[in-house]
Amino acid sequence: MKNIKLKMARVEKDLSQEQLAKIVGVSRQTIGLIELGKYNPSLSLCLAICKALSRTLDELFWEDDQG
């Protein structure tokens, strides 16, 4: 399942995948795969992404029943 919420939050912060990756210490490909729903990040990576994007875990990674 694609993580549209993560992509939207990243774009709202005016960050490229490359820039977000650098902030959280992973490759650009990792961010791309997370957004595509093809990579399941560790909790520590999820928290780092949330901190970088000023969002909560629920806001970025919780799957809605309606989604």
PDB file of N, CA and C in Angstrom:
ATOM      1  N   MET A   1       0.842  -1.188   0.000  1.00  0.00           N
ATOM      2  CA  MET A   1       0.000   0.000   0.000  1.00  0.00           C
ATOM      3  C   MET A   1       0.885   1.249   0.000  1.00  0.00           C
ATOM      4  N   LYS A   2       0.662   2.128  -0.949  1.00  0.00           N
ATOM      5  CA  LYS A   2       1.472   3.337  -1.061  1.00  0.00           C
ATOM      6  C   LYS A   2       1.280   4.237   0.148  1.00  0.00           C
ATOM      7  N   ASN A   3       2.359   4.897   0.544  1.00  0.00           N
ATOM      8  CA  ASN A   3       2.279   5.831   1.663  1.00  0.00           C
ATOM      9  C   ASN A   3       2.156   7.255   1.111  1.00  0.00           C
ATOM     10  N   ILE A   4       0.932   7.600   0.723  1.00  0.00           N
ATOM     11  CA  ILE A   4       0.651   8.926   0.170  1.00  0.00           C
ATOM     12  C   ILE A   4       0.845  10.001   1.240  1.00  0.00           C
ATOM     13  N   LYS A   5       0.506   9.666   2.493  1.00  0.00           N
ATOM     14  CA  LYS A   5       0.621  10.644   3.578  1.00  0.00           C
ATOM     15  C   LYS A   5       2.073  11.078   3.774  1.00  0.00           C
ATOM     16  N   LEU A   6       2.992  10.125   3.662  1.00  0.00           N
ATOM     17  CA  LEU A   6       4.409  10.459   3.802  1.00  0.00           C
ATOM     18  C   LEU A   6       4.848  11.368   2.662  1.00  0.00           C
ATOM     19  N   LYS A   7       4.480  11.029   1.450  1.00  0.00           N
ATOM     20  CA  LYS A   7       4.868  11.841   0.294  1.00  0.00           C
ATOM     21  C   LYS A   7       4.301  13.257   0.415  1.00  0.00           C
ATOM     22  N   MET A   8       3.032  13.370   0.808  1.00  0.00           N
ATOM     23  CA  MET A   8       2.405  14.683   0.942  1.00  0.00           C
ATOM     24  C   MET A   8       3.106  15.526   2.016  1.00  0.00           C
ATOM     25  N   ALA A   9       3.433  14.894   3.143  1.00  0.00           N
ATOM     26  CA  ALA A   9       4.109  15.619   4.224  1.00  0.00           C
ATOM     27  C   ALA A   9       5.494  16.075   3.777  1.00  0.00           C
ATOM     28  N   ARG A  10       6.178  15.233   3.017  1.00  0.00           N
ATOM     29  CA  ARG A  10       7.509  15.588   2.504  1.00  0.00           C
ATOM     30  C   ARG A  10       7.416  16.771   1.542  1.00  0.00           C
ATOM     31  N   VAL A  11       6.446  16.731   0.648  1.00  0.00           N
ATOM     32  CA  VAL A  11       6.267  17.813  -0.333  1.00  0.00           C
ATOM     33  C   VAL A  11       5.867  19.109   0.373  1.00  0.00           C
ATOM     34  N   GLU A  12       5.012  19.011   1.394  1.00  0.00           N
ATOM     35  CA  GLU A  12       4.607  20.203   2.151  1.00  0.00           C
ATOM     36  C   GLU A  12       5.802  20.878   2.814  1.00  0.00           C
ATOM     37  N   LYS A  13       6.795  20.085   3.224  1.00  0.00           N
ATOM     38  CA  LYS A  13       8.014  20.623   3.835  1.00  0.00           C
ATOM     39  C   LYS A  13       9.016  21.071   2.770  1.00  0.00           C
ATOM     40  N   ASP A  14       8.624  20.913   1.497  1.00  0.00           N
ATOM     41  CA  ASP A  14       9.469  21.292   0.367  1.00  0.00           C
ATOM     42  C   ASP A  14      10.800  20.537   0.379  1.00  0.00           C
ATOM     43  N   LEU A  15      10.709  19.230   0.660  1.00  0.00           N
ATOM     44  CA  LEU A  15      11.892  18.373   0.678  1.00  0.00           C
ATOM     45  C   LEU A  15      11.818  17.359  -0.459  1.00  0.00           C
ATOM     46  N   SER A  16      12.949  17.124  -1.104  1.00  0.00           N
ATOM     47  CA  SER A  16      13.027  16.041  -2.083  1.00  0.00           C
ATOM     48  C   SER A  16      13.251  14.734  -1.322  1.00  0.00           C
ATOM     49  N   GLN A  17      13.100  13.620  -2.012  1.00  0.00           N
ATOM     50  CA  GLN A  17      13.411  12.327  -1.379  1.00  0.00           C
ATOM     51  C   GLN A  17      14.864  12.324  -0.922  1.00  0.00           C
ATOM     52  N   GLU A  18      15.741  12.872  -1.740  1.00  0.00           N
ATOM     53  CA  GLU A  18      17.174  12.943  -1.433  1.00  0.00           C
ATOM     54  C   GLU A  18      17.425  13.736  -0.150  1.00  0.00           C
ATOM     55  N   GLN A  19      16.752  14.889  -0.024  1.00  0.00           N
ATOM     56  CA  GLN A  19      16.951  15.737   1.158  1.00  0.00           C
ATOM     57  C   GLN A  19      16.442  15.044   2.425  1.00  0.00           C
ATOM     58  N   LEU A  20      15.260  14.440   2.349  1.00  0.00           N
ATOM     59  CA  LEU A  20      14.721  13.729   3.513  1.00  0.00           C
ATOM     60  C   LEU A  20      15.626  12.566   3.883  1.00  0.00           C
ATOM     61  N   ALA A  21      16.097  11.842   2.884  1.00  0.00           N
ATOM     62  CA  ALA A  21      16.986  10.706   3.132  1.00  0.00           C
ATOM     63  C   ALA A  21      18.242  11.139   3.877  1.00  0.00           C
ATOM     64  N   LYS A  22      18.806  12.273   3.460  1.00  0.00           N
ATOM     65  CA  LYS A  22      20.017  12.783   4.101  1.00  0.00           C
ATOM     66  C   LYS A  22      19.751  13.135   5.563  1.00  0.00           C
ATOM     67  N   ILE A  23      18.605  13.759   5.820  1.00  0.00           N
ATOM     68  CA  ILE A  23      18.240  14.153   7.191  1.00  0.00           C
ATOM     69  C   ILE A  23      18.126  12.928   8.100  1.00  0.00           C
ATOM     70  N   VAL A  24      17.512  11.850   7.604  1.00  0.00           N
ATOM     71  CA  VAL A  24      17.259  10.683   8.463  1.00  0.00           C
ATOM     72  C   VAL A  24      18.334   9.601   8.326  1.00  0.00           C
ATOM     73  N   GLY A  25      19.302   9.807   7.438  1.00  0.00           N
ATOM     74  CA  GLY A  25      20.437   8.893   7.361  1.00  0.00           C
ATOM     75  C   GLY A  25      20.206   7.607   6.577  1.00  0.00           C
ATOM     76  N   VAL A  26      19.406   7.696   5.518  1.00  0.00           N
ATOM     77  CA  VAL A  26      19.200   6.534   4.646  1.00  0.00           C
ATOM     78  C   VAL A  26      19.404   6.965   3.190  1.00  0.00           C
ATOM     79  N   SER A  27      19.299   6.025   2.259  1.00  0.00           N
ATOM     80  CA  SER A  27      19.438   6.372   0.844  1.00  0.00           C
ATOM     81  C   SER A  27      18.131   6.936   0.295  1.00  0.00           C
ATOM     82  N   ARG A  28      18.236   7.668  -0.804  1.00  0.00           N
ATOM     83  CA  ARG A  28      17.043   8.179  -1.473  1.00  0.00           C
ATOM     84  C   ARG A  28      16.142   7.038  -1.898  1.00  0.00           C
ATOM     85  N   GLN A  29      16.752   5.931  -2.307  1.00  0.00           N
ATOM     86  CA  GLN A  29      15.970   4.776  -2.739  1.00  0.00           C
ATOM     87  C   GLN A  29      15.097   4.236  -1.606  1.00  0.00           C
ATOM     88  N   THR A  30      15.617   4.279  -0.395  1.00  0.00           N
ATOM     89  CA  THR A  30      14.839   3.809   0.761  1.00  0.00           C
ATOM     90  C   THR A  30      13.586   4.649   0.947  1.00  0.00           C
ATOM     91  N   ILE A  31      13.730   5.963   0.866  1.00  0.00           N
ATOM     92  CA  ILE A  31      12.561   6.848   0.994  1.00  0.00           C
ATOM     93  C   ILE A  31      11.570   6.555  -0.124  1.00  0.00           C
ATOM     94  N   GLY A  32      12.069   6.396  -1.338  1.00  0.00           N
ATOM     95  CA  GLY A  32      11.205   6.081  -2.474  1.00  0.00           C
ATOM     96  C   GLY A  32      10.444   4.790  -2.282  1.00  0.00           C
ATOM     97  N   LEU A  33      11.124   3.769  -1.777  1.00  0.00           N
ATOM     98  CA  LEU A  33      10.472   2.468  -1.551  1.00  0.00           C
ATOM     99  C   LEU A  33       9.426   2.549  -0.443  1.00  0.00           C
ATOM    100  N   ILE A  34       9.707   3.333   0.597  1.00  0.00           N
ATOM    101  CA  ILE A  34       8.721   3.512   1.679  1.00  0.00           C
ATOM    102  C   ILE A  34       7.476   4.184   1.106  1.00  0.00           C
ATOM    103  N   GLU A  35       7.667   5.223   0.291  1.00  0.00           N
ATOM    104  CA  GLU A  35       6.525   5.927  -0.298  1.00  0.00           C
ATOM    105  C   GLU A  35       5.728   5.010  -1.225  1.00  0.00           C
ATOM    106  N   LEU A  36       6.416   4.103  -1.903  1.00  0.00           N
ATOM    107  CA  LEU A  36       5.739   3.162  -2.803  1.00  0.00           C
ATOM    108  C   LEU A  36       5.092   1.993  -2.064  1.00  0.00           C
ATOM    109  N   GLY A  37       5.377   1.869  -0.769  1.00  0.00           N
ATOM    110  CA  GLY A  37       4.833   0.765   0.008  1.00  0.00           C
ATOM    111  C   GLY A  37       5.568  -0.537  -0.227  1.00  0.00           C
ATOM    112  N   LYS A  38       6.814  -0.458  -0.715  1.00  0.00           N
ATOM    113  CA  LYS A  38       7.584  -1.663  -1.010  1.00  0.00           C
ATOM    114  C   LYS A  38       8.670  -1.922   0.019  1.00  0.00           C
ATOM    115  N   TYR A  39       8.723  -1.103   1.055  1.00  0.00           N
ATOM    116  CA  TYR A  39       9.724  -1.276   2.114  1.00  0.00           C
ATOM    117  C   TYR A  39       9.074  -0.932   3.434  1.00  0.00           C
ATOM    118  N   ASN A  40       9.272  -1.809   4.410  1.00  0.00           N
ATOM    119  CA  ASN A  40       8.692  -1.622   5.732  1.00  0.00           C
ATOM    120  C   ASN A  40       9.784  -1.083   6.659  1.00  0.00           C
ATOM    121  N   PRO A  41       9.771   0.216   6.964  1.00  0.00           N
ATOM    122  CA  PRO A  41      10.854   0.806   7.760  1.00  0.00           C
ATOM    123  C   PRO A  41      10.802   0.369   9.224  1.00  0.00           C
ATOM    124  N   SER A  42      11.982   0.401   9.846  1.00  0.00           N
ATOM    125  CA  SER A  42      12.060   0.108  11.277  1.00  0.00           C
ATOM    126  C   SER A  42      11.363   1.213  12.057  1.00  0.00           C
ATOM    127  N   LEU A  43      11.052   0.927  13.298  1.00  0.00           N
ATOM    128  CA  LEU A  43      10.403   1.928  14.140  1.00  0.00           C
ATOM    129  C   LEU A  43      11.304   3.148  14.304  1.00  0.00           C
ATOM    130  N   SER A  44      12.605   2.922  14.477  1.00  0.00           N
ATOM    131  CA  SER A  44      13.516   4.059  14.661  1.00  0.00           C
ATOM    132  C   SER A  44      13.558   4.934  13.406  1.00  0.00           C
ATOM    133  N   LEU A  45      13.485   4.328  12.219  1.00  0.00           N
ATOM    134  CA  LEU A  45      13.445   5.111  10.986  1.00  0.00           C
ATOM    135  C   LEU A  45      12.120   5.863  10.874  1.00  0.00           C
ATOM    136  N   CYS A  46      11.022   5.209  11.224  1.00  0.00           N
ATOM    137  CA  CYS A  46       9.717   5.882  11.223  1.00  0.00           C
ATOM    138  C   CYS A  46       9.749   7.113  12.126  1.00  0.00           C
ATOM    139  N   LEU A  47      10.312   6.960  13.307  1.00  0.00           N
ATOM    140  CA  LEU A  47      10.382   8.078  14.250  1.00  0.00           C
ATOM    141  C   LEU A  47      11.252   9.207  13.703  1.00  0.00           C
ATOM    142  N   ALA A  48      12.371   8.866  13.069  1.00  0.00           N
ATOM    143  CA  ALA A  48      13.248   9.882  12.489  1.00  0.00           C
ATOM    144  C   ALA A  48      12.529  10.644  11.380  1.00  0.00           C
ATOM    145  N   ILE A  49      11.780   9.927  10.554  1.00  0.00           N
ATOM    146  CA  ILE A  49      11.018  10.566   9.481  1.00  0.00           C
ATOM    147  C   ILE A  49       9.955  11.490  10.067  1.00  0.00           C
ATOM    148  N   CYS A  50       9.254  11.012  11.082  1.00  0.00           N
ATOM    149  CA  CYS A  50       8.218  11.832  11.736  1.00  0.00           C
ATOM    150  C   CYS A  50       8.812  13.116  12.300  1.00  0.00           C
ATOM    151  N   LYS A  51       9.951  12.993  12.956  1.00  0.00           N
ATOM    152  CA  LYS A  51      10.606  14.166  13.537  1.00  0.00           C
ATOM    153  C   LYS A  51      11.007  15.147  12.436  1.00  0.00           C
ATOM    154  N   ALA A  52      11.571  14.633  11.338  1.00  0.00           N
ATOM    155  CA  ALA A  52      12.015  15.488  10.228  1.00  0.00           C
ATOM    156  C   ALA A  52      10.849  16.212   9.573  1.00  0.00           C
ATOM    157  N   LEU A  53       9.683  15.571   9.551  1.00  0.00           N
ATOM    158  CA  LEU A  53       8.519  16.143   8.879  1.00  0.00           C
ATOM    159  C   LEU A  53       7.516  16.780   9.844  1.00  0.00           C
ATOM    160  N   SER A  54       7.857  16.823  11.134  1.00  0.00           N
ATOM    161  CA  SER A  54       6.978  17.403  12.163  1.00  0.00           C
ATOM    162  C   SER A  54       5.595  16.763  12.151  1.00  0.00           C
ATOM    163  N   ARG A  55       5.571  15.451  12.093  1.00  0.00           N
ATOM    164  CA  ARG A  55       4.320  14.690  12.103  1.00  0.00           C
ATOM    165  C   ARG A  55       4.420  13.587  13.155  1.00  0.00           C
ATOM    166  N   THR A  56       3.273  13.006  13.510  1.00  0.00           N
ATOM    167  CA  THR A  56       3.250  11.885  14.445  1.00  0.00           C
ATOM    168  C   THR A  56       3.273  10.569  13.671  1.00  0.00           C
ATOM    169  N   LEU A  57       3.562   9.486  14.387  1.00  0.00           N
ATOM    170  CA  LEU A  57       3.513   8.160  13.769  1.00  0.00           C
ATOM    171  C   LEU A  57       2.135   7.892  13.182  1.00  0.00           C
ATOM    172  N   ASP A  58       1.093   8.231  13.935  1.00  0.00           N
ATOM    173  CA  ASP A  58      -0.275   8.013  13.448  1.00  0.00           C
ATOM    174  C   ASP A  58      -0.533   8.764  12.144  1.00  0.00           C
ATOM    175  N   GLU A  59      -0.054   9.990  12.073  1.00  0.00           N
ATOM    176  CA  GLU A  59      -0.305  10.808  10.884  1.00  0.00           C
ATOM    177  C   GLU A  59       0.360  10.237   9.633  1.00  0.00           C
ATOM    178  N   LEU A  60       1.529   9.651   9.786  1.00  0.00           N
ATOM    179  CA  LEU A  60       2.271   9.191   8.607  1.00  0.00           C
ATOM    180  C   LEU A  60       2.179   7.703   8.331  1.00  0.00           C
ATOM    181  N   PHE A  61       2.056   6.891   9.371  1.00  0.00           N
ATOM    182  CA  PHE A  61       2.194   5.455   9.159  1.00  0.00           C
ATOM    183  C   PHE A  61       0.989   4.601   9.544  1.00  0.00           C
ATOM    184  N   TRP A  62      -0.024   5.196  10.151  1.00  0.00           N
ATOM    185  CA  TRP A  62      -1.202   4.417  10.533  1.00  0.00           C
ATOM    186  C   TRP A  62      -2.106   4.262   9.326  1.00  0.00           C
ATOM    187  N   GLU A  63      -2.491   3.036   9.018  1.00  0.00           N
ATOM    188  CA  GLU A  63      -3.366   2.783   7.872  1.00  0.00           C
ATOM    189  C   GLU A  63      -4.820   3.010   8.274  1.00  0.00           C
ATOM    190  N   ASP A  64      -5.480   3.890   7.530  1.00  0.00           N
ATOM    191  CA  ASP A  64      -6.904   4.146   7.770  1.00  0.00           C
ATOM    192  C   ASP A  64      -7.722   2.985   7.268  1.00  0.00           C
ATOM    193  N   ASP A  65      -8.844   2.708   7.932  1.00  0.00           N
ATOM    194  CA  ASP A  65      -9.755   1.681   7.454  1.00  0.00           C
ATOM    195  C   ASP A  65     -10.362   2.091   6.111  1.00  0.00           C
ATOM    196  N   GLN A  66     -10.475   3.396   5.895  1.00  0.00           N
ATOM    197  CA  GLN A  66     -11.085   3.901   4.658  1.00  0.00           C
ATOM    198  C   GLN A  66     -10.074   3.972   3.521  1.00  0.00           C
ATOM    199  N   GLY A  67      -8.758   3.849   3.830  1.00  0.00           N
ATOM    200  CA  GLY A  67      -7.705   4.043   2.859  1.00  0.00           C
ATOM    201  C   GLY A  67      -7.639   3.022   1.802  1.00  0.00           C
TER     202      GLY A  67
END
